[in-house]
Amino acid sequence: MDKNIKTLINQTDIRNVIKGLGTTISYDYRNKDLNVVCLLEGSLVFTANLLLQIKIPVNLYSIKVTSYEGKTSSGKLSYNVKDLDFCKDKDILLIDDILDSGLTLSTVVSEMEQAGAHSVRTCVLLNKQVNRSVNIVPDYKAFDIDNEFVIGYGMDYNGLYRNLPYIGVLKG
């Protein structure tokens, strides 16, 4: 472990919570065709591990979405959704790493609904306890956290630390 990183959530806790989420999602979608959409790049590790715990067939899609510059959300959402036809008449589970301001999830949910999705539910690894700029609550969440900038388990700081097997906070 890097001495400049404080562990916030360890690997064992992450694994146990994701197993429980997989069981719940499998049950909730047991009579539906589940279409998972991974918001790249931060939720890639979470999505991959969650998929291993979902015990029903899954279609997987991904969309690259960014809103951070360094440790701060830019307030602008950058994404390239050329074709959301795959959403039409589908039950979508949209997976993101962190629910922070709510801008990313609310925008993508709205776009998917406009594209004709039958339903769109959200699943986040981390639900930050902050005042959101938009009103959105995740349908599924792994952990609630305070308003800290986190790294690891797919989340980065300027492209680094995504490969940490735990969630941490940079010291200083």
Foldseek 3Di string as FASTA:
>chain_A
DDPQKAFDWDLVLLLVLLLVVLVVVLVVQVPFAEEEEEAPDQCVLVVVSSVVNHDDDYHYHYWHWDQDDFQDGVPDIDTDCPDLLVQAQHEYEYEDAECDQVVVVVVVLVVSVVSHHPYYAYEYAEYEPDHHPDDDDHPYYRYYDYPARKAESRRDGVPPRPDHSGIIGGHD
